[in-house]
N, C-alpha and C. Protein backbone atom coordinates (compact mmCIF):
# COMPACT_ATOMS: atom_id res chain seq x y z
N MET A 1 0.86 -1.18 0.00
CA MET A 1 0.00 0.00 0.00
C MET A 1 0.90 1.23 0.00
N ASN A 2 0.71 2.12 -0.98
CA ASN A 2 1.51 3.34 -0.98
C ASN A 2 0.87 4.38 -0.07
N GLN A 3 1.57 5.44 0.20
CA GLN A 3 1.10 6.40 1.20
C GLN A 3 -0.13 7.19 0.78
N ASN A 4 -0.48 7.17 -0.50
CA ASN A 4 -1.69 7.86 -0.96
C ASN A 4 -2.91 6.97 -0.90
N GLN A 5 -2.71 5.68 -0.62
CA GLN A 5 -3.82 4.74 -0.56
C GLN A 5 -4.31 4.58 0.87
N ARG A 6 -5.63 4.43 0.97
CA ARG A 6 -6.24 4.17 2.28
C ARG A 6 -7.31 3.11 2.08
N THR A 7 -7.64 2.41 3.15
CA THR A 7 -8.71 1.43 3.06
C THR A 7 -10.06 2.15 3.05
N LEU A 8 -11.08 1.44 2.60
CA LEU A 8 -12.42 2.02 2.59
C LEU A 8 -12.85 2.38 4.01
N SER A 9 -12.52 1.54 4.97
CA SER A 9 -12.88 1.83 6.37
C SER A 9 -12.23 3.13 6.85
N GLU A 10 -10.95 3.32 6.52
CA GLU A 10 -10.26 4.55 6.91
C GLU A 10 -10.91 5.77 6.28
N ILE A 11 -11.25 5.65 5.01
CA ILE A 11 -11.88 6.77 4.29
C ILE A 11 -13.24 7.09 4.90
N MET A 12 -14.00 6.04 5.22
CA MET A 12 -15.32 6.25 5.83
C MET A 12 -15.20 6.94 7.19
N ILE A 13 -14.23 6.54 8.00
CA ILE A 13 -14.02 7.16 9.31
C ILE A 13 -13.60 8.62 9.14
N GLU A 14 -12.65 8.88 8.24
CA GLU A 14 -12.18 10.24 8.01
C GLU A 14 -13.30 11.17 7.57
N ASN A 15 -14.24 10.64 6.81
CA ASN A 15 -15.33 11.45 6.27
C ASN A 15 -16.62 11.32 7.07
N ASN A 16 -16.55 10.60 8.19
CA ASN A 16 -17.70 10.41 9.06
C ASN A 16 -18.92 9.88 8.28
N VAL A 17 -18.67 8.82 7.51
CA VAL A 17 -19.71 8.21 6.67
C VAL A 17 -20.00 6.80 7.18
N SER A 18 -21.24 6.53 7.46
CA SER A 18 -21.65 5.20 7.92
C SER A 18 -21.93 4.30 6.72
N LEU A 19 -22.04 3.00 6.99
CA LEU A 19 -22.39 2.06 5.92
C LEU A 19 -23.75 2.41 5.34
N ARG A 20 -24.69 2.79 6.18
CA ARG A 20 -26.04 3.14 5.70
C ARG A 20 -25.99 4.35 4.77
N ARG A 21 -25.23 5.34 5.16
CA ARG A 21 -25.13 6.54 4.33
C ARG A 21 -24.46 6.22 2.99
N LEU A 22 -23.36 5.46 3.05
CA LEU A 22 -22.66 5.09 1.82
C LEU A 22 -23.58 4.26 0.92
N ALA A 23 -24.33 3.36 1.52
CA ALA A 23 -25.26 2.54 0.75
C ALA A 23 -26.31 3.39 0.05
N SER A 24 -26.88 4.32 0.77
CA SER A 24 -27.94 5.15 0.17
C SER A 24 -27.40 6.06 -0.93
N ARG A 25 -26.16 6.48 -0.81
CA ARG A 25 -25.57 7.39 -1.81
C ARG A 25 -25.00 6.68 -3.02
N THR A 26 -24.69 5.38 -2.88
CA THR A 26 -24.07 4.65 -3.98
C THR A 26 -25.01 3.64 -4.63
N GLY A 27 -26.13 3.36 -3.99
CA GLY A 27 -27.06 2.39 -4.55
C GLY A 27 -26.67 0.95 -4.26
N ILE A 28 -25.71 0.75 -3.37
CA ILE A 28 -25.28 -0.59 -2.97
C ILE A 28 -25.94 -0.87 -1.62
N SER A 29 -26.51 -2.05 -1.46
CA SER A 29 -27.22 -2.34 -0.21
C SER A 29 -26.26 -2.36 0.98
N VAL A 30 -26.80 -2.05 2.15
CA VAL A 30 -26.02 -2.06 3.39
C VAL A 30 -25.43 -3.45 3.61
N SER A 31 -26.25 -4.48 3.40
CA SER A 31 -25.77 -5.84 3.65
C SER A 31 -24.64 -6.22 2.71
N LEU A 32 -24.73 -5.83 1.44
CA LEU A 32 -23.65 -6.13 0.50
C LEU A 32 -22.38 -5.36 0.85
N LEU A 33 -22.52 -4.09 1.20
CA LEU A 33 -21.35 -3.31 1.62
C LEU A 33 -20.68 -3.95 2.84
N SER A 34 -21.49 -4.38 3.78
CA SER A 34 -20.96 -5.02 4.98
C SER A 34 -20.21 -6.30 4.62
N LEU A 35 -20.79 -7.11 3.76
CA LEU A 35 -20.12 -8.34 3.33
C LEU A 35 -18.80 -8.04 2.64
N MET A 36 -18.78 -7.03 1.79
CA MET A 36 -17.55 -6.68 1.08
C MET A 36 -16.49 -6.14 2.04
N CYS A 37 -16.90 -5.32 2.98
CA CYS A 37 -15.94 -4.75 3.94
C CYS A 37 -15.39 -5.82 4.88
N ASN A 38 -16.17 -6.87 5.11
CA ASN A 38 -15.75 -7.96 5.99
C ASN A 38 -15.15 -9.14 5.23
N LEU A 39 -14.77 -8.88 3.98
CA LEU A 39 -14.07 -9.84 3.13
C LEU A 39 -14.88 -11.10 2.81
N LYS A 40 -16.19 -10.99 2.86
CA LYS A 40 -17.05 -12.12 2.52
C LYS A 40 -17.44 -12.10 1.05
N ARG A 41 -17.36 -10.94 0.43
CA ARG A 41 -17.64 -10.76 -1.01
C ARG A 41 -16.60 -9.81 -1.57
N THR A 42 -16.37 -9.92 -2.87
CA THR A 42 -15.41 -9.02 -3.51
C THR A 42 -16.14 -7.81 -4.09
N PHE A 43 -15.41 -6.74 -4.27
CA PHE A 43 -15.95 -5.53 -4.87
C PHE A 43 -15.93 -5.67 -6.38
N ARG A 44 -17.06 -5.55 -7.02
CA ARG A 44 -17.10 -5.53 -8.48
C ARG A 44 -16.66 -4.15 -8.94
N ILE A 45 -16.23 -4.05 -10.19
CA ILE A 45 -15.70 -2.79 -10.69
C ILE A 45 -16.72 -1.66 -10.59
N GLU A 46 -18.00 -1.94 -10.84
CA GLU A 46 -19.00 -0.88 -10.74
C GLU A 46 -19.18 -0.39 -9.31
N HIS A 47 -18.99 -1.30 -8.34
CA HIS A 47 -19.04 -0.88 -6.93
C HIS A 47 -17.86 0.03 -6.61
N LYS A 48 -16.68 -0.36 -7.09
CA LYS A 48 -15.48 0.44 -6.85
C LYS A 48 -15.65 1.84 -7.44
N VAL A 49 -16.17 1.91 -8.65
CA VAL A 49 -16.37 3.20 -9.32
C VAL A 49 -17.35 4.06 -8.54
N ASN A 50 -18.48 3.49 -8.14
CA ASN A 50 -19.50 4.24 -7.39
C ASN A 50 -18.96 4.75 -6.06
N ILE A 51 -18.23 3.90 -5.35
CA ILE A 51 -17.68 4.29 -4.05
C ILE A 51 -16.61 5.36 -4.23
N ALA A 52 -15.70 5.16 -5.16
CA ALA A 52 -14.63 6.14 -5.40
C ALA A 52 -15.23 7.48 -5.82
N ASN A 53 -16.23 7.46 -6.69
CA ASN A 53 -16.88 8.70 -7.11
C ASN A 53 -17.53 9.42 -5.93
N TYR A 54 -18.18 8.68 -5.05
CA TYR A 54 -18.82 9.29 -3.89
C TYR A 54 -17.80 10.06 -3.04
N PHE A 55 -16.62 9.48 -2.86
CA PHE A 55 -15.59 10.12 -2.05
C PHE A 55 -14.68 11.05 -2.87
N ASN A 56 -14.99 11.23 -4.15
CA ASN A 56 -14.18 12.09 -5.02
C ASN A 56 -12.73 11.60 -5.12
N LEU A 57 -12.57 10.29 -5.25
CA LEU A 57 -11.25 9.68 -5.33
C LEU A 57 -11.15 8.85 -6.60
N ASP A 58 -9.91 8.53 -6.99
CA ASP A 58 -9.68 7.56 -8.06
C ASP A 58 -9.72 6.18 -7.44
N ILE A 59 -10.09 5.20 -8.21
CA ILE A 59 -10.14 3.82 -7.71
C ILE A 59 -8.80 3.41 -7.10
N GLU A 60 -7.70 3.86 -7.71
CA GLU A 60 -6.37 3.48 -7.25
C GLU A 60 -6.00 4.06 -5.89
N GLN A 61 -6.75 5.04 -5.42
CA GLN A 61 -6.47 5.66 -4.13
C GLN A 61 -7.05 4.88 -2.96
N ILE A 62 -7.83 3.85 -3.27
CA ILE A 62 -8.46 3.04 -2.23
C ILE A 62 -7.88 1.64 -2.28
N VAL A 63 -7.55 1.09 -1.12
CA VAL A 63 -7.06 -0.28 -1.04
C VAL A 63 -8.29 -1.17 -0.97
N TRP A 64 -8.47 -1.99 -2.00
CA TRP A 64 -9.63 -2.89 -2.07
C TRP A 64 -9.21 -4.25 -1.57
N PRO A 65 -9.94 -4.81 -0.61
CA PRO A 65 -9.58 -6.14 -0.10
C PRO A 65 -9.78 -7.21 -1.17
N ASP A 66 -8.85 -8.12 -1.24
CA ASP A 66 -8.94 -9.24 -2.18
C ASP A 66 -9.09 -10.53 -1.39
N HIS A 67 -9.67 -11.50 -2.02
CA HIS A 67 -9.79 -12.82 -1.39
C HIS A 67 -8.54 -13.60 -1.64
């Protein structure tokens, strides 16, 4: 992880954004976001794009968990 990258959890904490808020703003369900954040599901590219756009970041600026 380079110094410009942060995890989604870190970004959410820094921006005071809850899973519910992120879900409502990105169109991704709370349960799916929770599963992805807890490494039970992977992030599809459209999810990455929606989340990065919400936070005004490039996809590469977020560390996405892999299985």
